[in-house]
């Protein structure tokens, strides 16, 4: 399934469900970010502070400028989840793409 998220707390809560106590290798997750903005800053800080690694998630943050390009990257499977606005996700859904959007306020 293709997932898109509009809120950092939603992304982190999904990723932190991984059992960090397991002896296996960390789970690799590619997170696409559509822009460098104050709303996405907390995602970068979490990566730099080691929050993902602490919970057994090897998160790779990838800047893909433009929401439509980011949604296209989700469709290819190279990006597992995205931090973007709802406009690009809703536009893709209107064109028949099977996407899921999680949001909070």
PDB file of N, CA and C in Angstrom:
ATOM      1  N   UNK A   1       0.827  -1.179   0.000  1.00  0.00           N
ATOM      2  CA  UNK A   1       0.000   0.000   0.000  1.00  0.00           C
ATOM      3  C   UNK A   1       0.872   1.244   0.000  1.00  0.00           C
ATOM      4  N   UNK A   2       0.405   2.228  -0.614  1.00  0.00           N
ATOM      5  CA  UNK A   2       1.109   3.504  -0.625  1.00  0.00           C
ATOM      6  C   UNK A   2       0.592   4.334   0.538  1.00  0.00           C
ATOM      7  N   UNK A   3       1.509   4.892   1.290  1.00  0.00           N
ATOM      8  CA  UNK A   3       1.121   5.682   2.454  1.00  0.00           C
ATOM      9  C   UNK A   3       1.656   7.094   2.323  1.00  0.00           C
ATOM     10  N   UNK A   4       0.891   8.048   2.707  1.00  0.00           N
ATOM     11  CA  UNK A   4       1.365   9.431   2.765  1.00  0.00           C
ATOM     12  C   UNK A   4       0.946   9.988   4.108  1.00  0.00           C
ATOM     13  N   UNK A   5       1.771  10.812   4.648  1.00  0.00           N
ATOM     14  CA  UNK A   5       1.449  11.371   5.968  1.00  0.00           C
ATOM     15  C   UNK A   5       1.650  12.858   5.956  1.00  0.00           C
ATOM     16  N   UNK A   6       0.821  13.542   6.670  1.00  0.00           N
ATOM     17  CA  UNK A   6       0.920  14.997   6.735  1.00  0.00           C
ATOM     18  C   UNK A   6       1.405  15.458   8.092  1.00  0.00           C
ATOM     19  N   UNK A   7       1.678  14.569   8.998  1.00  0.00           N
ATOM     20  CA  UNK A   7       2.042  14.995  10.344  1.00  0.00           C
ATOM     21  C   UNK A   7       3.176  14.123  10.867  1.00  0.00           C
ATOM     22  N   UNK A   8       4.183  14.739  11.426  1.00  0.00           N
ATOM     23  CA  UNK A   8       5.331  14.015  11.949  1.00  0.00           C
ATOM     24  C   UNK A   8       4.940  13.019  13.016  1.00  0.00           C
ATOM     25  N   UNK A   9       4.028  13.381  13.885  1.00  0.00           N
ATOM     26  CA  UNK A   9       3.639  12.471  14.961  1.00  0.00           C
ATOM     27  C   UNK A   9       3.039  11.195  14.414  1.00  0.00           C
ATOM     28  N   UNK A  10       2.314  11.272  13.321  1.00  0.00           N
ATOM     29  CA  UNK A  10       1.736  10.090  12.707  1.00  0.00           C
ATOM     30  C   UNK A  10       2.821   9.199  12.139  1.00  0.00           C
ATOM     31  N   UNK A  11       3.796   9.791  11.450  1.00  0.00           N
ATOM     32  CA  UNK A  11       4.891   9.012  10.874  1.00  0.00           C
ATOM     33  C   UNK A  11       5.678   8.318  11.971  1.00  0.00           C
ATOM     34  N   UNK A  12       6.037   9.060  12.998  1.00  0.00           N
ATOM     35  CA  UNK A  12       6.826   8.484  14.080  1.00  0.00           C
ATOM     36  C   UNK A  12       6.057   7.378  14.788  1.00  0.00           C
ATOM     37  N   UNK A  13       4.774   7.583  15.031  1.00  0.00           N
ATOM     38  CA  UNK A  13       3.999   6.549  15.722  1.00  0.00           C
ATOM     39  C   UNK A  13       3.926   5.274  14.897  1.00  0.00           C
ATOM     40  N   UNK A  14       3.858   5.407  13.582  1.00  0.00           N
ATOM     41  CA  UNK A  14       3.849   4.214  12.731  1.00  0.00           C
ATOM     42  C   UNK A  14       5.194   3.503  12.756  1.00  0.00           C
ATOM     43  N   UNK A  15       6.270   4.281  12.700  1.00  0.00           N
ATOM     44  CA  UNK A  15       7.603   3.690  12.638  1.00  0.00           C
ATOM     45  C   UNK A  15       8.055   3.115  13.971  1.00  0.00           C
ATOM     46  N   UNK A  16       7.569   3.653  15.059  1.00  0.00           N
ATOM     47  CA  UNK A  16       8.007   3.208  16.374  1.00  0.00           C
ATOM     48  C   UNK A  16       7.291   1.945  16.849  1.00  0.00           C
ATOM     49  N   UNK A  17       6.409   1.408  16.027  1.00  0.00           N
ATOM     50  CA  UNK A  17       5.741   0.153  16.362  1.00  0.00           C
ATOM     51  C   UNK A  17       6.684  -1.039  16.216  1.00  0.00           C
ATOM     52  N   UNK A  18       7.841  -0.806  15.621  1.00  0.00           N
ATOM     53  CA  UNK A  18       8.823  -1.867  15.419  1.00  0.00           C
ATOM     54  C   UNK A  18       9.437  -2.247  16.761  1.00  0.00           C
ATOM     55  N   UNK A  19       9.616  -3.534  17.006  1.00  0.00           N
ATOM     56  CA  UNK A  19      10.205  -4.013  18.253  1.00  0.00           C
ATOM     57  C   UNK A  19      11.713  -3.770  18.237  1.00  0.00           C
ATOM     58  N   UNK A  20      12.168  -2.794  19.025  1.00  0.00           N
ATOM     59  CA  UNK A  20      13.591  -2.451  19.055  1.00  0.00           C
ATOM     60  C   UNK A  20      14.419  -3.497  19.788  1.00  0.00           C
ATOM     61  N   UNK A  21      13.801  -4.334  20.597  1.00  0.00           N
ATOM     62  CA  UNK A  21      14.537  -5.331  21.351  1.00  0.00           C
ATOM     63  C   UNK A  21      14.893  -6.565  20.546  1.00  0.00           C
ATOM     64  N   UNK A  22      14.392  -6.670  19.346  1.00  0.00           N
ATOM     65  CA  UNK A  22      14.680  -7.844  18.517  1.00  0.00           C
ATOM     66  C   UNK A  22      16.145  -7.845  18.094  1.00  0.00           C
ATOM     67  N   UNK A  23      16.696  -9.033  17.913  1.00  0.00           N
ATOM     68  CA  UNK A  23      18.106  -9.180  17.559  1.00  0.00           C
ATOM     69  C   UNK A  23      18.344  -9.017  16.063  1.00  0.00           C
ATOM     70  N   UNK A  24      17.313  -8.795  15.299  1.00  0.00           N
ATOM     71  CA  UNK A  24      17.465  -8.668  13.854  1.00  0.00           C
ATOM     72  C   UNK A  24      17.971  -7.275  13.482  1.00  0.00           C
ATOM     73  N   UNK A  25      18.294  -7.115  12.214  1.00  0.00           N
ATOM     74  CA  UNK A  25      18.787  -5.831  11.706  1.00  0.00           C
ATOM     75  C   UNK A  25      17.672  -4.792  11.757  1.00  0.00           C
ATOM     76  N   UNK A  26      18.036  -3.517  11.854  1.00  0.00           N
ATOM     77  CA  UNK A  26      17.018  -2.464  11.874  1.00  0.00           C
ATOM     78  C   UNK A  26      16.162  -2.481  10.603  1.00  0.00           C
ATOM     79  N   UNK A  27      14.921  -2.084  10.736  1.00  0.00           N
ATOM     80  CA  UNK A  27      14.015  -1.985   9.599  1.00  0.00           C
ATOM     81  C   UNK A  27      14.380  -0.743   8.806  1.00  0.00           C
ATOM     82  N   UNK A  28      14.571  -0.890   7.509  1.00  0.00           N
ATOM     83  CA  UNK A  28      14.945   0.238   6.644  1.00  0.00           C
ATOM     84  C   UNK A  28      13.684   0.880   6.089  1.00  0.00           C
ATOM     85  N   UNK A  29      13.555   2.192   6.283  1.00  0.00           N
ATOM     86  CA  UNK A  29      12.398   2.934   5.811  1.00  0.00           C
ATOM     87  C   UNK A  29      12.877   4.193   5.099  1.00  0.00           C
ATOM     88  N   UNK A  30      12.420   4.387   3.866  1.00  0.00           N
ATOM     89  CA  UNK A  30      12.715   5.611   3.118  1.00  0.00           C
ATOM     90  C   UNK A  30      11.547   6.565   3.296  1.00  0.00           C
ATOM     91  N   UNK A  31      11.838   7.751   3.822  1.00  0.00           N
ATOM     92  CA  UNK A  31      10.815   8.762   4.055  1.00  0.00           C
ATOM     93  C   UNK A  31      11.073   9.921   3.113  1.00  0.00           C
ATOM     94  N   UNK A  32      10.123  10.188   2.231  1.00  0.00           N
ATOM     95  CA  UNK A  32      10.241  11.306   1.313  1.00  0.00           C
ATOM     96  C   UNK A  32       9.712  12.580   1.944  1.00  0.00           C
ATOM     97  N   UNK A  33      10.414  13.676   1.718  1.00  0.00           N
ATOM     98  CA  UNK A  33      10.008  14.984   2.221  1.00  0.00           C
ATOM     99  C   UNK A  33       9.889  15.911   1.017  1.00  0.00           C
ATOM    100  N   UNK A  34       8.734  16.582   0.882  1.00  0.00           N
ATOM    101  CA  UNK A  34       8.474  17.391  -0.309  1.00  0.00           C
ATOM    102  C   UNK A  34       9.148  18.752  -0.276  1.00  0.00           C
ATOM    103  N   UNK A  35       9.418  19.285   0.905  1.00  0.00           N
ATOM    104  CA  UNK A  35      10.036  20.607   0.965  1.00  0.00           C
ATOM    105  C   UNK A  35      10.789  20.778   2.276  1.00  0.00           C
ATOM    106  N   UNK A  36      11.676  21.732   2.277  1.00  0.00           N
ATOM    107  CA  UNK A  36      12.371  22.098   3.503  1.00  0.00           C
ATOM    108  C   UNK A  36      11.546  23.217   4.133  1.00  0.00           C
ATOM    109  N   UNK A  37      10.887  22.893   5.224  1.00  0.00           N
ATOM    110  CA  UNK A  37      10.019  23.871   5.872  1.00  0.00           C
ATOM    111  C   UNK A  37      10.055  23.663   7.376  1.00  0.00           C
ATOM    112  N   UNK A  38       9.492  24.614   8.091  1.00  0.00           N
ATOM    113  CA  UNK A  38       9.474  24.509   9.547  1.00  0.00           C
ATOM    114  C   UNK A  38       8.633  23.332  10.017  1.00  0.00           C
ATOM    115  N   UNK A  39       7.613  22.957   9.266  1.00  0.00           N
ATOM    116  CA  UNK A  39       6.780  21.818   9.677  1.00  0.00           C
ATOM    117  C   UNK A  39       7.527  20.495   9.549  1.00  0.00           C
ATOM    118  N   UNK A  40       8.459  20.397   8.614  1.00  0.00           N
ATOM    119  CA  UNK A  40       9.221  19.162   8.425  1.00  0.00           C
ATOM    120  C   UNK A  40      10.509  19.143   9.250  1.00  0.00           C
ATOM    121  N   UNK A  41      10.821  20.253   9.901  1.00  0.00           N
ATOM    122  CA  UNK A  41      12.056  20.348  10.664  1.00  0.00           C
ATOM    123  C   UNK A  41      12.137  19.295  11.766  1.00  0.00           C
ATOM    124  N   UNK A  42      11.026  19.033  12.425  1.00  0.00           N
ATOM    125  CA  UNK A  42      11.041  18.059  13.514  1.00  0.00           C
ATOM    126  C   UNK A  42      11.403  16.653  13.027  1.00  0.00           C
ATOM    127  N   UNK A  43      11.073  16.341  11.791  1.00  0.00           N
ATOM    128  CA  UNK A  43      11.449  15.047  11.221  1.00  0.00           C
ATOM    129  C   UNK A  43      12.961  14.940  11.078  1.00  0.00           C
ATOM    130  N   UNK A  44      13.602  15.999  10.591  1.00  0.00           N
ATOM    131  CA  UNK A  44      15.062  16.019  10.439  1.00  0.00           C
ATOM    132  C   UNK A  44      15.752  15.976  11.799  1.00  0.00           C
ATOM    133  N   UNK A  45      15.194  16.682  12.768  1.00  0.00           N
ATOM    134  CA  UNK A  45      15.763  16.684  14.117  1.00  0.00           C
ATOM    135  C   UNK A  45      15.679  15.293  14.725  1.00  0.00           C
ATOM    136  N   UNK A  46      14.559  14.619  14.541  1.00  0.00           N
ATOM    137  CA  UNK A  46      14.402  13.255  15.058  1.00  0.00           C
ATOM    138  C   UNK A  46      15.447  12.321  14.451  1.00  0.00           C
ATOM    139  N   UNK A  47      15.743  12.491  13.184  1.00  0.00           N
ATOM    140  CA  UNK A  47      16.767  11.680  12.519  1.00  0.00           C
ATOM    141  C   UNK A  47      18.145  11.970  13.108  1.00  0.00           C
ATOM    142  N   UNK A  48      18.482  13.256  13.242  1.00  0.00           N
ATOM    143  CA  UNK A  48      19.787  13.646  13.756  1.00  0.00           C
ATOM    144  C   UNK A  48      19.983  13.261  15.221  1.00  0.00           C
ATOM    145  N   UNK A  49      18.930  13.279  16.006  1.00  0.00           N
ATOM    146  CA  UNK A  49      19.022  12.953  17.428  1.00  0.00           C
ATOM    147  C   UNK A  49      19.015  11.444  17.678  1.00  0.00           C
ATOM    148  N   UNK A  50      18.780  10.640  16.628  1.00  0.00           N
ATOM    149  CA  UNK A  50      18.818   9.191  16.773  1.00  0.00           C
ATOM    150  C   UNK A  50      17.532   8.568  17.273  1.00  0.00           C
ATOM    151  N   UNK A  51      16.429   9.274  17.173  1.00  0.00           N
ATOM    152  CA  UNK A  51      15.149   8.737  17.650  1.00  0.00           C
ATOM    153  C   UNK A  51      14.735   7.494  16.874  1.00  0.00           C
ATOM    154  N   UNK A  52      14.898   7.507  15.568  1.00  0.00           N
ATOM    155  CA  UNK A  52      14.535   6.347  14.764  1.00  0.00           C
ATOM    156  C   UNK A  52      15.425   5.148  15.100  1.00  0.00           C
ATOM    157  N   UNK A  53      16.728   5.355  15.146  1.00  0.00           N
ATOM    158  CA  UNK A  53      17.674   4.280  15.434  1.00  0.00           C
ATOM    159  C   UNK A  53      17.440   3.687  16.816  1.00  0.00           C
ATOM    160  N   UNK A  54      17.063   4.512  17.752  1.00  0.00           N
ATOM    161  CA  UNK A  54      16.787   4.057  19.118  1.00  0.00           C
ATOM    162  C   UNK A  54      15.678   3.002  19.142  1.00  0.00           C
ATOM    163  N   UNK A  55      14.765   3.100  18.193  1.00  0.00           N
ATOM    164  CA  UNK A  55      13.633   2.175  18.134  1.00  0.00           C
ATOM    165  C   UNK A  55      13.773   1.137  17.017  1.00  0.00           C
ATOM    166  N   UNK A  56      14.978   0.949  16.520  1.00  0.00           N
ATOM    167  CA  UNK A  56      15.227  -0.107  15.536  1.00  0.00           C
ATOM    168  C   UNK A  56      14.794   0.218  14.122  1.00  0.00           C
ATOM    169  N   UNK A  57      14.732   1.496  13.786  1.00  0.00           N
ATOM    170  CA  UNK A  57      14.329   1.914  12.445  1.00  0.00           C
ATOM    171  C   UNK A  57      15.488   2.658  11.795  1.00  0.00           C
ATOM    172  N   UNK A  58      15.934   2.161  10.656  1.00  0.00           N
ATOM    173  CA  UNK A  58      16.969   2.835   9.878  1.00  0.00           C
ATOM    174  C   UNK A  58      16.255   3.740   8.874  1.00  0.00           C
ATOM    175  N   UNK A  59      15.968   4.966   9.285  1.00  0.00           N
ATOM    176  CA  UNK A  59      15.204   5.904   8.460  1.00  0.00           C
ATOM    177  C   UNK A  59      16.135   6.703   7.567  1.00  0.00           C
ATOM    178  N   UNK A  60      15.810   6.745   6.306  1.00  0.00           N
ATOM    179  CA  UNK A  60      16.534   7.560   5.334  1.00  0.00           C
ATOM    180  C   UNK A  60      15.592   8.667   4.881  1.00  0.00           C
ATOM    181  N   UNK A  61      15.956   9.909   5.147  1.00  0.00           N
ATOM    182  CA  UNK A  61      15.140  11.050   4.736  1.00  0.00           C
ATOM    183  C   UNK A  61      15.620  11.520   3.372  1.00  0.00           C
ATOM    184  N   UNK A  62      14.698  11.598   2.428  1.00  0.00           N
ATOM    185  CA  UNK A  62      15.045  11.942   1.057  1.00  0.00           C
ATOM    186  C   UNK A  62      14.220  13.149   0.631  1.00  0.00           C
ATOM    187  N   UNK A  63      14.896  14.225   0.250  1.00  0.00           N
ATOM    188  CA  UNK A  63      14.216  15.427  -0.206  1.00  0.00           C
ATOM    189  C   UNK A  63      13.843  15.263  -1.670  1.00  0.00           C
ATOM    190  N   UNK A  64      12.557  15.287  -1.935  1.00  0.00           N
ATOM    191  CA  UNK A  64      12.041  15.210  -3.300  1.00  0.00           C
ATOM    192  C   UNK A  64      11.139  16.424  -3.475  1.00  0.00           C
ATOM    193  N   UNK A  65      11.641  17.433  -4.120  1.00  0.00           N
ATOM    194  CA  UNK A  65      10.902  18.687  -4.241  1.00  0.00           C
ATOM    195  C   UNK A  65       9.648  18.504  -5.108  1.00  0.00           C
ATOM    196  N   UNK A  66       8.547  18.983  -4.575  1.00  0.00           N
ATOM    197  CA  UNK A  66       7.282  18.926  -5.308  1.00  0.00           C
ATOM    198  C   UNK A  66       6.447  17.742  -4.875  1.00  0.00           C
ATOM    199  N   UNK A  67       5.229  18.018  -4.482  1.00  0.00           N
ATOM    200  CA  UNK A  67       4.340  16.965  -3.996  1.00  0.00           C
ATOM    201  C   UNK A  67       3.984  15.929  -5.034  1.00  0.00           C
ATOM    202  N   UNK A  68       3.773  16.348  -6.279  1.00  0.00           N
ATOM    203  CA  UNK A  68       3.403  15.380  -7.312  1.00  0.00           C
ATOM    204  C   UNK A  68       4.556  14.428  -7.616  1.00  0.00           C
ATOM    205  N   UNK A  69       5.775  14.918  -7.594  1.00  0.00           N
ATOM    206  CA  UNK A  69       6.948  14.057  -7.800  1.00  0.00           C
ATOM    207  C   UNK A  69       7.104  13.093  -6.637  1.00  0.00           C
ATOM    208  N   UNK A  70       6.820  13.561  -5.443  1.00  0.00           N
ATOM    209  CA  UNK A  70       6.903  12.711  -4.263  1.00  0.00           C
ATOM    210  C   UNK A  70       5.879  11.589  -4.325  1.00  0.00           C
ATOM    211  N   UNK A  71       4.657  11.902  -4.730  1.00  0.00           N
ATOM    212  CA  UNK A  71       3.624  10.875  -4.857  1.00  0.00           C
ATOM    213  C   UNK A  71       4.005   9.870  -5.939  1.00  0.00           C
ATOM    214  N   UNK A  72       4.602  10.338  -7.023  1.00  0.00           N
ATOM    215  CA  UNK A  72       5.067   9.420  -8.073  1.00  0.00           C
ATOM    216  C   UNK A  72       6.149   8.483  -7.525  1.00  0.00           C
ATOM    217  N   UNK A  73       7.012   8.999  -6.648  1.00  0.00           N
ATOM    218  CA  UNK A  73       8.040   8.158  -6.029  1.00  0.00           C
ATOM    219  C   UNK A  73       7.416   7.112  -5.112  1.00  0.00           C
ATOM    220  N   UNK A  74       6.333   7.476  -4.452  1.00  0.00           N
ATOM    221  CA  UNK A  74       5.607   6.503  -3.628  1.00  0.00           C
ATOM    222  C   UNK A  74       5.059   5.370  -4.490  1.00  0.00           C
ATOM    223  N   UNK A  75       4.560   5.714  -5.660  1.00  0.00           N
ATOM    224  CA  UNK A  75       3.978   4.707  -6.545  1.00  0.00           C
ATOM    225  C   UNK A  75       5.018   3.712  -7.035  1.00  0.00           C
ATOM    226  N   UNK A  76       6.265   4.129  -7.177  1.00  0.00           N
ATOM    227  CA  UNK A  76       7.312   3.213  -7.638  1.00  0.00           C
ATOM    228  C   UNK A  76       7.767   2.262  -6.536  1.00  0.00           C
ATOM    229  N   UNK A  77       7.501   2.644  -5.271  1.00  0.00           N
ATOM    230  CA  UNK A  77       7.903   1.793  -4.162  1.00  0.00           C
ATOM    231  C   UNK A  77       9.261   2.143  -3.572  1.00  0.00           C
ATOM    232  N   UNK A  78       9.944   3.121  -4.149  1.00  0.00           N
ATOM    233  CA  UNK A  78      11.246   3.529  -3.616  1.00  0.00           C
ATOM    234  C   UNK A  78      11.105   4.295  -2.317  1.00  0.00           C
ATOM    235  N   UNK A  79      10.012   5.020  -2.165  1.00  0.00           N
ATOM    236  CA  UNK A  79       9.702   5.751  -0.951  1.00  0.00           C
ATOM    237  C   UNK A  79       8.598   4.991  -0.230  1.00  0.00           C
ATOM    238  N   UNK A  80       8.784   4.713   1.055  1.00  0.00           N
ATOM    239  CA  UNK A  80       7.805   3.942   1.809  1.00  0.00           C
ATOM    240  C   UNK A  80       6.714   4.802   2.415  1.00  0.00           C
ATOM    241  N   UNK A  81       7.061   6.001   2.805  1.00  0.00           N
ATOM    242  CA  UNK A  81       6.099   6.939   3.368  1.00  0.00           C
ATOM    243  C   UNK A  81       6.557   8.349   3.047  1.00  0.00           C
ATOM    244  N   UNK A  82       5.643   9.305   3.152  1.00  0.00           N
ATOM    245  CA  UNK A  82       5.979  10.666   2.746  1.00  0.00           C
ATOM    246  C   UNK A  82       5.456  11.680   3.740  1.00  0.00           C
ATOM    247  N   UNK A  83       6.157  12.785   3.812  1.00  0.00           N
ATOM    248  CA  UNK A  83       5.759  13.926   4.626  1.00  0.00           C
ATOM    249  C   UNK A  83       5.450  15.040   3.637  1.00  0.00           C
ATOM    250  N   UNK A  84       4.174  15.239   3.360  1.00  0.00           N
ATOM    251  CA  UNK A  84       3.780  16.184   2.322  1.00  0.00           C
ATOM    252  C   UNK A  84       2.413  16.769   2.642  1.00  0.00           C
ATOM    253  N   UNK A  85       1.971  17.680   1.804  1.00  0.00           N
ATOM    254  CA  UNK A  85       0.647  18.272   1.990  1.00  0.00           C
ATOM    255  C   UNK A  85      -0.421  17.338   1.415  1.00  0.00           C
ATOM    256  N   UNK A  86      -1.637  17.613   1.768  1.00  0.00           N
ATOM    257  CA  UNK A  86      -2.737  16.789   1.289  1.00  0.00           C
ATOM    258  C   UNK A  86      -3.120  17.045  -0.150  1.00  0.00           C
ATOM    259  N   UNK A  87      -2.712  18.194  -0.697  1.00  0.00           N
ATOM    260  CA  UNK A  87      -3.111  18.560  -2.050  1.00  0.00           C
ATOM    261  C   UNK A  87      -2.603  17.541  -3.070  1.00  0.00           C
ATOM    262  N   UNK A  88      -1.331  17.183  -2.994  1.00  0.00           N
ATOM    263  CA  UNK A  88      -0.772  16.237  -3.968  1.00  0.00           C
ATOM    264  C   UNK A  88      -1.352  14.842  -3.789  1.00  0.00           C
ATOM    265  N   UNK A  89      -1.625  14.459  -2.565  1.00  0.00           N
ATOM    266  CA  UNK A  89      -2.206  13.139  -2.301  1.00  0.00           C
ATOM    267  C   UNK A  89      -3.637  13.075  -2.826  1.00  0.00           C
ATOM    268  N   UNK A  90      -4.413  14.108  -2.564  1.00  0.00           N
ATOM    269  CA  UNK A  90      -5.790  14.143  -3.052  1.00  0.00           C
ATOM    270  C   UNK A  90      -5.844  14.211  -4.573  1.00  0.00           C
ATOM    271  N   UNK A  91      -4.887  14.926  -5.174  1.00  0.00           N
ATOM    272  CA  UNK A  91      -4.819  14.971  -6.633  1.00  0.00           C
ATOM    273  C   UNK A  91      -4.555  13.602  -7.233  1.00  0.00           C
ATOM    274  N   UNK A  92      -3.663  12.838  -6.607  1.00  0.00           N
ATOM    275  CA  UNK A  92      -3.375  11.481  -7.083  1.00  0.00           C
ATOM    276  C   UNK A  92      -4.584  10.576  -6.891  1.00  0.00           C
ATOM    277  N   UNK A  93      -5.267  10.714  -5.756  1.00  0.00           N
ATOM    278  CA  UNK A  93      -6.463   9.899  -5.499  1.00  0.00           C
ATOM    279  C   UNK A  93      -7.555  10.214  -6.506  1.00  0.00           C
ATOM    280  N   UNK A  94      -7.678  11.479  -6.888  1.00  0.00           N
ATOM    281  CA  UNK A  94      -8.686  11.875  -7.878  1.00  0.00           C
ATOM    282  C   UNK A  94      -8.395  11.271  -9.248  1.00  0.00           C
ATOM    283  N   UNK A  95      -7.133  10.941  -9.500  1.00  0.00           N
ATOM    284  CA  UNK A  95      -6.754  10.321 -10.771  1.00  0.00           C
ATOM    285  C   UNK A  95      -6.798   8.802 -10.713  1.00  0.00           C
ATOM    286  N   UNK A  96      -7.244   8.257  -9.577  1.00  0.00           N
ATOM    287  CA  UNK A  96      -7.416   6.810  -9.473  1.00  0.00           C
ATOM    288  C   UNK A  96      -6.284   6.059  -8.805  1.00  0.00           C
ATOM    289  N   UNK A  97      -5.306   6.762  -8.257  1.00  0.00           N
ATOM    290  CA  UNK A  97      -4.191   6.110  -7.577  1.00  0.00           C
ATOM    291  C   UNK A  97      -4.656   5.677  -6.184  1.00  0.00           C
ATOM    292  N   UNK A  98      -4.302   4.460  -5.791  1.00  0.00           N
ATOM    293  CA  UNK A  98      -4.680   3.941  -4.481  1.00  0.00           C
ATOM    294  C   UNK A  98      -3.695   4.453  -3.434  1.00  0.00           C
ATOM    295  N   UNK A  99      -4.077   5.526  -2.738  1.00  0.00           N
ATOM    296  CA  UNK A  99      -3.218   6.122  -1.716  1.00  0.00           C
ATOM    297  C   UNK A  99      -3.977   6.203  -0.408  1.00  0.00           C
ATOM    298  N   UNK A 100      -3.229   6.226   0.661  1.00  0.00           N
ATOM    299  CA  UNK A 100      -3.783   6.401   2.008  1.00  0.00           C
ATOM    300  C   UNK A 100      -3.101   7.615   2.609  1.00  0.00           C
ATOM    301  N   UNK A 101      -3.874   8.486   3.228  1.00  0.00           N
ATOM    302  CA  UNK A 101      -3.323   9.690   3.830  1.00  0.00           C
ATOM    303  C   UNK A 101      -3.697   9.714   5.298  1.00  0.00           C
ATOM    304  N   UNK A 102      -2.690   9.888   6.132  1.00  0.00           N
ATOM    305  CA  UNK A 102      -2.908  10.034   7.563  1.00  0.00           C
ATOM    306  C   UNK A 102      -2.628  11.475   7.926  1.00  0.00           C
ATOM    307  N   UNK A 103      -3.480  12.049   8.728  1.00  0.00           N
ATOM    308  CA  UNK A 103      -3.308  13.442   9.088  1.00  0.00           C
ATOM    309  C   UNK A 103      -3.804  13.677  10.511  1.00  0.00           C
ATOM    310  N   UNK A 104      -3.333  14.735  11.098  1.00  0.00           N
ATOM    311  CA  UNK A 104      -3.828  15.133  12.409  1.00  0.00           C
ATOM    312  C   UNK A 104      -3.747  16.639  12.500  1.00  0.00           C
ATOM    313  N   UNK A 105      -4.379  17.142  13.495  1.00  0.00           N
ATOM    314  CA  UNK A 105      -4.381  18.592  13.630  1.00  0.00           C
ATOM    315  C   UNK A 105      -4.004  18.969  15.020  1.00  0.00           C
TER     316      UNK A 105
END
